[in-house]
Each structure stands twice: as C-alpha cells, then as structure tokens.
Amino acid sequence: MPVSRVFFSTCGLLREAFNGILAKPTGVEFTIVATAAHDEDMTIFDESLASSIVRLLASGQGDDALINRLYEDQI
C-alpha cells in the first residue's frame, strides 16, 4: 500500500471513530530519491516501504524533532 494511501486511510478511520470532529486531512505529495553506496543496501525498501521511509526521514531530522521525541524507541 502506498504511504500516502495509508495516511489518508488512517485519517478517515479516526474521523469515523470520533464522529467527524477531526478536520479533514490535507496532504502534500512529494518525491524521494534515495541512493546507497552499495546496491544491496537498497533491499531494505523491499521489506517494508513505509517503515523504511519513516526511518529515513526521521534520521534526517534533529533529536528534538517531534517524531524522534515521541517514537524514538519504535524507530
């Protein structure tokens, strides 16, 4: 499932669970180009695309970024 589809599915589920009081989701589409020194390093994206992208984005942010503060153990 594409990452953007997961994002909107989750928001839809939350809106339904809370009787529509949450704002409708808005999103931004963006493209990521990832490269690696060795081709075999790219196989991590074959296992789980969404979690690999989250880890990649989180590693590019500071330790004080919200995602790193809230989800440090999971990432």
PDB file of N, CA and C in Angstrom:
ATOM      1  N   MET A   1       0.850  -1.171   0.000  1.00  0.00           N
ATOM      2  CA  MET A   1       0.000   0.000   0.000  1.00  0.00           C
ATOM      3  C   MET A   1       0.897   1.237   0.000  1.00  0.00           C
ATOM      4  N   PRO A   2       0.657   2.171  -0.897  1.00  0.00           N
ATOM      5  CA  PRO A   2       1.464   3.393  -0.913  1.00  0.00           C
ATOM      6  C   PRO A   2       1.350   4.160   0.399  1.00  0.00           C
ATOM      7  N   VAL A   3       2.402   4.856   0.754  1.00  0.00           N
ATOM      8  CA  VAL A   3       2.443   5.592   2.011  1.00  0.00           C
ATOM      9  C   VAL A   3       1.316   6.605   2.091  1.00  0.00           C
ATOM     10  N   SER A   4       1.065   7.356   1.024  1.00  0.00           N
ATOM     11  CA  SER A   4       0.015   8.369   1.053  1.00  0.00           C
ATOM     12  C   SER A   4      -1.349   7.741   1.287  1.00  0.00           C
ATOM     13  N   ARG A   5      -1.554   6.548   0.785  1.00  0.00           N
ATOM     14  CA  ARG A   5      -2.840   5.880   0.982  1.00  0.00           C
ATOM     15  C   ARG A   5      -3.004   5.470   2.440  1.00  0.00           C
ATOM     16  N   VAL A   6      -1.950   5.044   3.074  1.00  0.00           N
ATOM     17  CA  VAL A   6      -2.006   4.701   4.491  1.00  0.00           C
ATOM     18  C   VAL A   6      -2.368   5.937   5.299  1.00  0.00           C
ATOM     19  N   PHE A   7      -1.760   7.083   4.978  1.00  0.00           N
ATOM     20  CA  PHE A   7      -2.016   8.346   5.665  1.00  0.00           C
ATOM     21  C   PHE A   7      -3.499   8.695   5.617  1.00  0.00           C
ATOM     22  N   PHE A   8      -4.093   8.663   4.444  1.00  0.00           N
ATOM     23  CA  PHE A   8      -5.480   9.056   4.316  1.00  0.00           C
ATOM     24  C   PHE A   8      -6.424   8.009   4.885  1.00  0.00           C
ATOM     25  N   SER A   9      -6.091   6.737   4.811  1.00  0.00           N
ATOM     26  CA  SER A   9      -6.920   5.698   5.408  1.00  0.00           C
ATOM     27  C   SER A   9      -6.964   5.863   6.920  1.00  0.00           C
ATOM     28  N   THR A  10      -5.844   6.159   7.518  1.00  0.00           N
ATOM     29  CA  THR A  10      -5.780   6.363   8.963  1.00  0.00           C
ATOM     30  C   THR A  10      -6.621   7.559   9.373  1.00  0.00           C
ATOM     31  N   CYS A  11      -6.501   8.659   8.659  1.00  0.00           N
ATOM     32  CA  CYS A  11      -7.280   9.853   8.988  1.00  0.00           C
ATOM     33  C   CYS A  11      -8.772   9.587   8.839  1.00  0.00           C
ATOM     34  N   GLY A  12      -9.149   8.849   7.826  1.00  0.00           N
ATOM     35  CA  GLY A  12     -10.557   8.512   7.643  1.00  0.00           C
ATOM     36  C   GLY A  12     -11.092   7.670   8.785  1.00  0.00           C
ATOM     37  N   LEU A  13     -10.292   6.724   9.233  1.00  0.00           N
ATOM     38  CA  LEU A  13     -10.684   5.882  10.354  1.00  0.00           C
ATOM     39  C   LEU A  13     -10.857   6.710  11.629  1.00  0.00           C
ATOM     40  N   LEU A  14      -9.929   7.628  11.881  1.00  0.00           N
ATOM     41  CA  LEU A  14     -10.028   8.487  13.064  1.00  0.00           C
ATOM     42  C   LEU A  14     -11.246   9.407  12.993  1.00  0.00           C
ATOM     43  N   ARG A  15     -11.527   9.957  11.812  1.00  0.00           N
ATOM     44  CA  ARG A  15     -12.711  10.817  11.663  1.00  0.00           C
ATOM     45  C   ARG A  15     -13.977  10.032  11.979  1.00  0.00           C
ATOM     46  N   GLU A  16     -14.031   8.796  11.503  1.00  0.00           N
ATOM     47  CA  GLU A  16     -15.210   7.970  11.752  1.00  0.00           C
ATOM     48  C   GLU A  16     -15.322   7.617  13.237  1.00  0.00           C
ATOM     49  N   ALA A  17     -14.201   7.290  13.856  1.00  0.00           N
ATOM     50  CA  ALA A  17     -14.197   6.905  15.273  1.00  0.00           C
ATOM     51  C   ALA A  17     -14.617   8.058  16.177  1.00  0.00           C
ATOM     52  N   PHE A  18     -14.302   9.278  15.790  1.00  0.00           N
ATOM     53  CA  PHE A  18     -14.614  10.443  16.619  1.00  0.00           C
ATOM     54  C   PHE A  18     -15.762  11.267  16.031  1.00  0.00           C
ATOM     55  N   ASN A  19     -16.677  10.597  15.357  1.00  0.00           N
ATOM     56  CA  ASN A  19     -17.894  11.212  14.821  1.00  0.00           C
ATOM     57  C   ASN A  19     -17.633  12.442  13.960  1.00  0.00           C
ATOM     58  N   GLY A  20     -16.557  12.434  13.208  1.00  0.00           N
ATOM     59  CA  GLY A  20     -16.281  13.507  12.258  1.00  0.00           C
ATOM     60  C   GLY A  20     -15.782  14.807  12.852  1.00  0.00           C
ATOM     61  N   ILE A  21     -15.394  14.818  14.129  1.00  0.00           N
ATOM     62  CA  ILE A  21     -14.956  16.081  14.731  1.00  0.00           C
ATOM     63  C   ILE A  21     -13.529  16.450  14.334  1.00  0.00           C
ATOM     64  N   LEU A  22     -12.783  15.498  13.810  1.00  0.00           N
ATOM     65  CA  LEU A  22     -11.427  15.817  13.351  1.00  0.00           C
ATOM     66  C   LEU A  22     -11.504  16.487  11.978  1.00  0.00           C
ATOM     67  N   ALA A  23     -10.595  17.382  11.737  1.00  0.00           N
ATOM     68  CA  ALA A  23     -10.558  18.074  10.442  1.00  0.00           C
ATOM     69  C   ALA A  23     -10.256  17.086   9.332  1.00  0.00           C
ATOM     70  N   LYS A  24     -10.763  17.373   8.153  1.00  0.00           N
ATOM     71  CA  LYS A  24     -10.441  16.527   7.005  1.00  0.00           C
ATOM     72  C   LYS A  24      -8.944  16.623   6.735  1.00  0.00           C
ATOM     73  N   PRO A  25      -8.334  15.497   6.369  1.00  0.00           N
ATOM     74  CA  PRO A  25      -6.884  15.504   6.163  1.00  0.00           C
ATOM     75  C   PRO A  25      -6.490  16.268   4.907  1.00  0.00           C
ATOM     76  N   THR A  26      -5.390  16.926   5.010  1.00  0.00           N
ATOM     77  CA  THR A  26      -4.763  17.526   3.840  1.00  0.00           C
ATOM     78  C   THR A  26      -3.377  16.913   3.758  1.00  0.00           C
ATOM     79  N   GLY A  27      -2.831  16.881   2.622  1.00  0.00           N
ATOM     80  CA  GLY A  27      -1.525  16.258   2.484  1.00  0.00           C
ATOM     81  C   GLY A  27      -0.726  16.917   1.387  1.00  0.00           C
ATOM     82  N   VAL A  28       0.495  16.559   1.361  1.00  0.00           N
ATOM     83  CA  VAL A  28       1.415  17.053   0.346  1.00  0.00           C
ATOM     84  C   VAL A  28       2.064  15.848  -0.297  1.00  0.00           C
ATOM     85  N   GLU A  29       2.060  15.828  -1.601  1.00  0.00           N
ATOM     86  CA  GLU A  29       2.736  14.748  -2.304  1.00  0.00           C
ATOM     87  C   GLU A  29       4.160  15.186  -2.589  1.00  0.00           C
ATOM     88  N   PHE A  30       5.090  14.326  -2.297  1.00  0.00           N
ATOM     89  CA  PHE A  30       6.475  14.647  -2.578  1.00  0.00           C
ATOM     90  C   PHE A  30       7.194  13.398  -3.053  1.00  0.00           C
ATOM     91  N   THR A  31       8.308  13.601  -3.697  1.00  0.00           N
ATOM     92  CA  THR A  31       9.097  12.513  -4.257  1.00  0.00           C
ATOM     93  C   THR A  31      10.412  12.415  -3.502  1.00  0.00           C
ATOM     94  N   ILE A  32      10.792  11.203  -3.190  1.00  0.00           N
ATOM     95  CA  ILE A  32      12.061  10.952  -2.518  1.00  0.00           C
ATOM     96  C   ILE A  32      12.951  10.156  -3.463  1.00  0.00           C
ATOM     97  N   VAL A  33      14.168  10.593  -3.601  1.00  0.00           N
ATOM     98  CA  VAL A  33      15.156   9.840  -4.361  1.00  0.00           C
ATOM     99  C   VAL A  33      16.211   9.379  -3.375  1.00  0.00           C
ATOM    100  N   ALA A  34      16.299   8.070  -3.179  1.00  0.00           N
ATOM    101  CA  ALA A  34      17.260   7.505  -2.236  1.00  0.00           C
ATOM    102  C   ALA A  34      18.355   6.788  -3.007  1.00  0.00           C
ATOM    103  N   THR A  35      19.567   6.999  -2.576  1.00  0.00           N
ATOM    104  CA  THR A  35      20.701   6.306  -3.187  1.00  0.00           C
ATOM    105  C   THR A  35      21.521   5.659  -2.084  1.00  0.00           C
ATOM    106  N   ALA A  36      22.309   4.689  -2.449  1.00  0.00           N
ATOM    107  CA  ALA A  36      23.157   3.992  -1.483  1.00  0.00           C
ATOM    108  C   ALA A  36      24.500   3.682  -2.136  1.00  0.00           C
ATOM    109  N   ALA A  37      25.496   3.555  -1.300  1.00  0.00           N
ATOM    110  CA  ALA A  37      26.835   3.236  -1.798  1.00  0.00           C
ATOM    111  C   ALA A  37      26.867   1.843  -2.431  1.00  0.00           C
ATOM    112  N   HIS A  38      26.051   0.930  -1.924  1.00  0.00           N
ATOM    113  CA  HIS A  38      26.011  -0.439  -2.420  1.00  0.00           C
ATOM    114  C   HIS A  38      24.575  -0.807  -2.784  1.00  0.00           C
ATOM    115  N   ASP A  39      24.383  -1.441  -3.915  1.00  0.00           N
ATOM    116  CA  ASP A  39      23.038  -1.790  -4.389  1.00  0.00           C
ATOM    117  C   ASP A  39      22.263  -2.639  -3.385  1.00  0.00           C
ATOM    118  N   GLU A  40      22.949  -3.536  -2.682  1.00  0.00           N
ATOM    119  CA  GLU A  40      22.250  -4.411  -1.740  1.00  0.00           C
ATOM    120  C   GLU A  40      21.667  -3.641  -0.555  1.00  0.00           C
ATOM    121  N   ASP A  41      22.169  -2.433  -0.298  1.00  0.00           N
ATOM    122  CA  ASP A  41      21.622  -1.616   0.780  1.00  0.00           C
ATOM    123  C   ASP A  41      20.200  -1.130   0.465  1.00  0.00           C
ATOM    124  N   MET A  42      19.838  -1.124  -0.787  1.00  0.00           N
ATOM    125  CA  MET A  42      18.504  -0.662  -1.180  1.00  0.00           C
ATOM    126  C   MET A  42      17.428  -1.725  -0.953  1.00  0.00           C
ATOM    127  N   THR A  43      17.814  -2.954  -0.649  1.00  0.00           N
ATOM    128  CA  THR A  43      16.827  -4.019  -0.453  1.00  0.00           C
ATOM    129  C   THR A  43      15.970  -3.787   0.789  1.00  0.00           C
ATOM    130  N   ILE A  44      16.388  -2.905   1.675  1.00  0.00           N
ATOM    131  CA  ILE A  44      15.578  -2.606   2.866  1.00  0.00           C
ATOM    132  C   ILE A  44      14.204  -2.061   2.474  1.00  0.00           C
ATOM    133  N   PHE A  45      14.113  -1.402   1.337  1.00  0.00           N
ATOM    134  CA  PHE A  45      12.834  -0.863   0.876  1.00  0.00           C
ATOM    135  C   PHE A  45      11.905  -1.966   0.374  1.00  0.00           C
ATOM    136  N   ASP A  46      12.457  -3.123   0.028  1.00  0.00           N
ATOM    137  CA  ASP A  46      11.636  -4.250  -0.428  1.00  0.00           C
ATOM    138  C   ASP A  46      10.883  -4.884   0.738  1.00  0.00           C
ATOM    139  N   GLU A  47      11.449  -4.839   1.936  1.00  0.00           N
ATOM    140  CA  GLU A  47      10.842  -5.473   3.100  1.00  0.00           C
ATOM    141  C   GLU A  47       9.611  -4.712   3.580  1.00  0.00           C
ATOM    142  N   SER A  48       9.752  -3.423   3.791  1.00  0.00           N
ATOM    143  CA  SER A  48       8.635  -2.601   4.256  1.00  0.00           C
ATOM    144  C   SER A  48       8.883  -1.166   3.815  1.00  0.00           C
ATOM    145  N   LEU A  49       8.254  -0.760   2.760  1.00  0.00           N
ATOM    146  CA  LEU A  49       8.480   0.569   2.191  1.00  0.00           C
ATOM    147  C   LEU A  49       8.128   1.678   3.173  1.00  0.00           C
ATOM    148  N   ALA A  50       6.956   1.595   3.786  1.00  0.00           N
ATOM    149  CA  ALA A  50       6.501   2.678   4.666  1.00  0.00           C
ATOM    150  C   ALA A  50       7.428   2.865   5.865  1.00  0.00           C
ATOM    151  N   SER A  51       7.761   1.793   6.566  1.00  0.00           N
ATOM    152  CA  SER A  51       8.609   1.932   7.750  1.00  0.00           C
ATOM    153  C   SER A  51      10.023   2.357   7.382  1.00  0.00           C
ATOM    154  N   SER A  52      10.512   1.921   6.233  1.00  0.00           N
ATOM    155  CA  SER A  52      11.853   2.328   5.792  1.00  0.00           C
ATOM    156  C   SER A  52      11.908   3.818   5.488  1.00  0.00           C
ATOM    157  N   ILE A  53      10.856   4.342   4.880  1.00  0.00           N
ATOM    158  CA  ILE A  53      10.809   5.767   4.559  1.00  0.00           C
ATOM    159  C   ILE A  53      10.701   6.592   5.838  1.00  0.00           C
ATOM    160  N   VAL A  54       9.893   6.140   6.794  1.00  0.00           N
ATOM    161  CA  VAL A  54       9.781   6.859   8.073  1.00  0.00           C
ATOM    162  C   VAL A  54      11.139   6.921   8.755  1.00  0.00           C
ATOM    163  N   ARG A  55      11.854   5.809   8.785  1.00  0.00           N
ATOM    164  CA  ARG A  55      13.181   5.794   9.415  1.00  0.00           C
ATOM    165  C   ARG A  55      14.148   6.719   8.678  1.00  0.00           C
ATOM    166  N   LEU A  56      14.074   6.720   7.369  1.00  0.00           N
ATOM    167  CA  LEU A  56      14.942   7.588   6.563  1.00  0.00           C
ATOM    168  C   LEU A  56      14.659   9.055   6.860  1.00  0.00           C
ATOM    169  N   LEU A  57      13.398   9.430   6.893  1.00  0.00           N
ATOM    170  CA  LEU A  57      13.029  10.820   7.171  1.00  0.00           C
ATOM    171  C   LEU A  57      13.374  11.216   8.597  1.00  0.00           C
ATOM    172  N   ALA A  58      13.133  10.326   9.552  1.00  0.00           N
ATOM    173  CA  ALA A  58      13.433  10.619  10.960  1.00  0.00           C
ATOM    174  C   ALA A  58      14.926  10.810  11.178  1.00  0.00           C
ATOM    175  N   SER A  59      15.747  10.040  10.475  1.00  0.00           N
ATOM    176  CA  SER A  59      17.197  10.166  10.658  1.00  0.00           C
ATOM    177  C   SER A  59      17.729  11.479  10.099  1.00  0.00           C
ATOM    178  N   GLY A  60      16.967  12.106   9.221  1.00  0.00           N
ATOM    179  CA  GLY A  60      17.380  13.378   8.661  1.00  0.00           C
ATOM    180  C   GLY A  60      16.945  14.577   9.484  1.00  0.00           C
ATOM    181  N   GLN A  61      16.269  14.315  10.604  1.00  0.00           N
ATOM    182  CA  GLN A  61      15.791  15.389  11.466  1.00  0.00           C
ATOM    183  C   GLN A  61      16.564  15.370  12.773  1.00  0.00           C
ATOM    184  N   GLY A  62      16.525  16.455  13.477  1.00  0.00           N
ATOM    185  CA  GLY A  62      17.232  16.574  14.746  1.00  0.00           C
ATOM    186  C   GLY A  62      16.607  15.732  15.838  1.00  0.00           C
ATOM    187  N   ASP A  63      17.339  15.539  16.911  1.00  0.00           N
ATOM    188  CA  ASP A  63      16.844  14.765  18.047  1.00  0.00           C
ATOM    189  C   ASP A  63      15.623  15.406  18.695  1.00  0.00           C
ATOM    190  N   ASP A  64      15.455  16.719  18.525  1.00  0.00           N
ATOM    191  CA  ASP A  64      14.322  17.408  19.122  1.00  0.00           C
ATOM    192  C   ASP A  64      13.076  17.409  18.232  1.00  0.00           C
ATOM    193  N   ALA A  65      13.162  16.796  17.054  1.00  0.00           N
ATOM    194  CA  ALA A  65      12.001  16.712  16.166  1.00  0.00           C
ATOM    195  C   ALA A  65      10.921  15.858  16.829  1.00  0.00           C
ATOM    196  N   LEU A  66       9.676  16.207  16.627  1.00  0.00           N
ATOM    197  CA  LEU A  66       8.560  15.540  17.270  1.00  0.00           C
ATOM    198  C   LEU A  66       8.584  14.033  17.038  1.00  0.00           C
ATOM    199  N   ILE A  67       8.816  13.609  15.835  1.00  0.00           N
ATOM    200  CA  ILE A  67       8.805  12.180  15.538  1.00  0.00           C
ATOM    201  C   ILE A  67       9.890  11.444  16.322  1.00  0.00           C
ATOM    202  N   ASN A  68      11.041  12.061  16.472  1.00  0.00           N
ATOM    203  CA  ASN A  68      12.130  11.423  17.217  1.00  0.00           C
ATOM    204  C   ASN A  68      11.875  11.436  18.717  1.00  0.00           C
ATOM    205  N   ARG A  69      11.242  12.482  19.218  1.00  0.00           N
ATOM    206  CA  ARG A  69      10.958  12.547  20.657  1.00  0.00           C
ATOM    207  C   ARG A  69       9.858  11.567  21.056  1.00  0.00           C
ATOM    208  N   LEU A  70       8.828  11.443  20.222  1.00  0.00           N
ATOM    209  CA  LEU A  70       7.704  10.586  20.582  1.00  0.00           C
ATOM    210  C   LEU A  70       7.927   9.114  20.273  1.00  0.00           C
ATOM    211  N   TYR A  71       8.662   8.836  19.216  1.00  0.00           N
ATOM    212  CA  TYR A  71       8.763   7.464  18.723  1.00  0.00           C
ATOM    213  C   TYR A  71      10.201   6.951  18.648  1.00  0.00           C
ATOM    214  N   GLU A  72      11.075   7.478  19.471  1.00  0.00           N
ATOM    215  CA  GLU A  72      12.484   7.097  19.413  1.00  0.00           C
ATOM    216  C   GLU A  72      12.674   5.582  19.530  1.00  0.00           C
ATOM    217  N   ASP A  73      11.992   4.953  20.459  1.00  0.00           N
ATOM    218  CA  ASP A  73      12.150   3.510  20.660  1.00  0.00           C
ATOM    219  C   ASP A  73      11.643   2.702  19.463  1.00  0.00           C
ATOM    220  N   GLN A  74      10.544   3.109  18.889  1.00  0.00           N
ATOM    221  CA  GLN A  74       9.964   2.368  17.763  1.00  0.00           C
ATOM    222  C   GLN A  74      10.792   2.550  16.489  1.00  0.00           C
ATOM    223  N   ILE A  75      11.355   3.730  16.303  1.00  0.00           N
ATOM    224  CA  ILE A  75      12.135   3.991  15.094  1.00  0.00           C
ATOM    225  C   ILE A  75      13.459   3.269  15.194  1.00  0.00           C
TER     226      ILE A  75
END
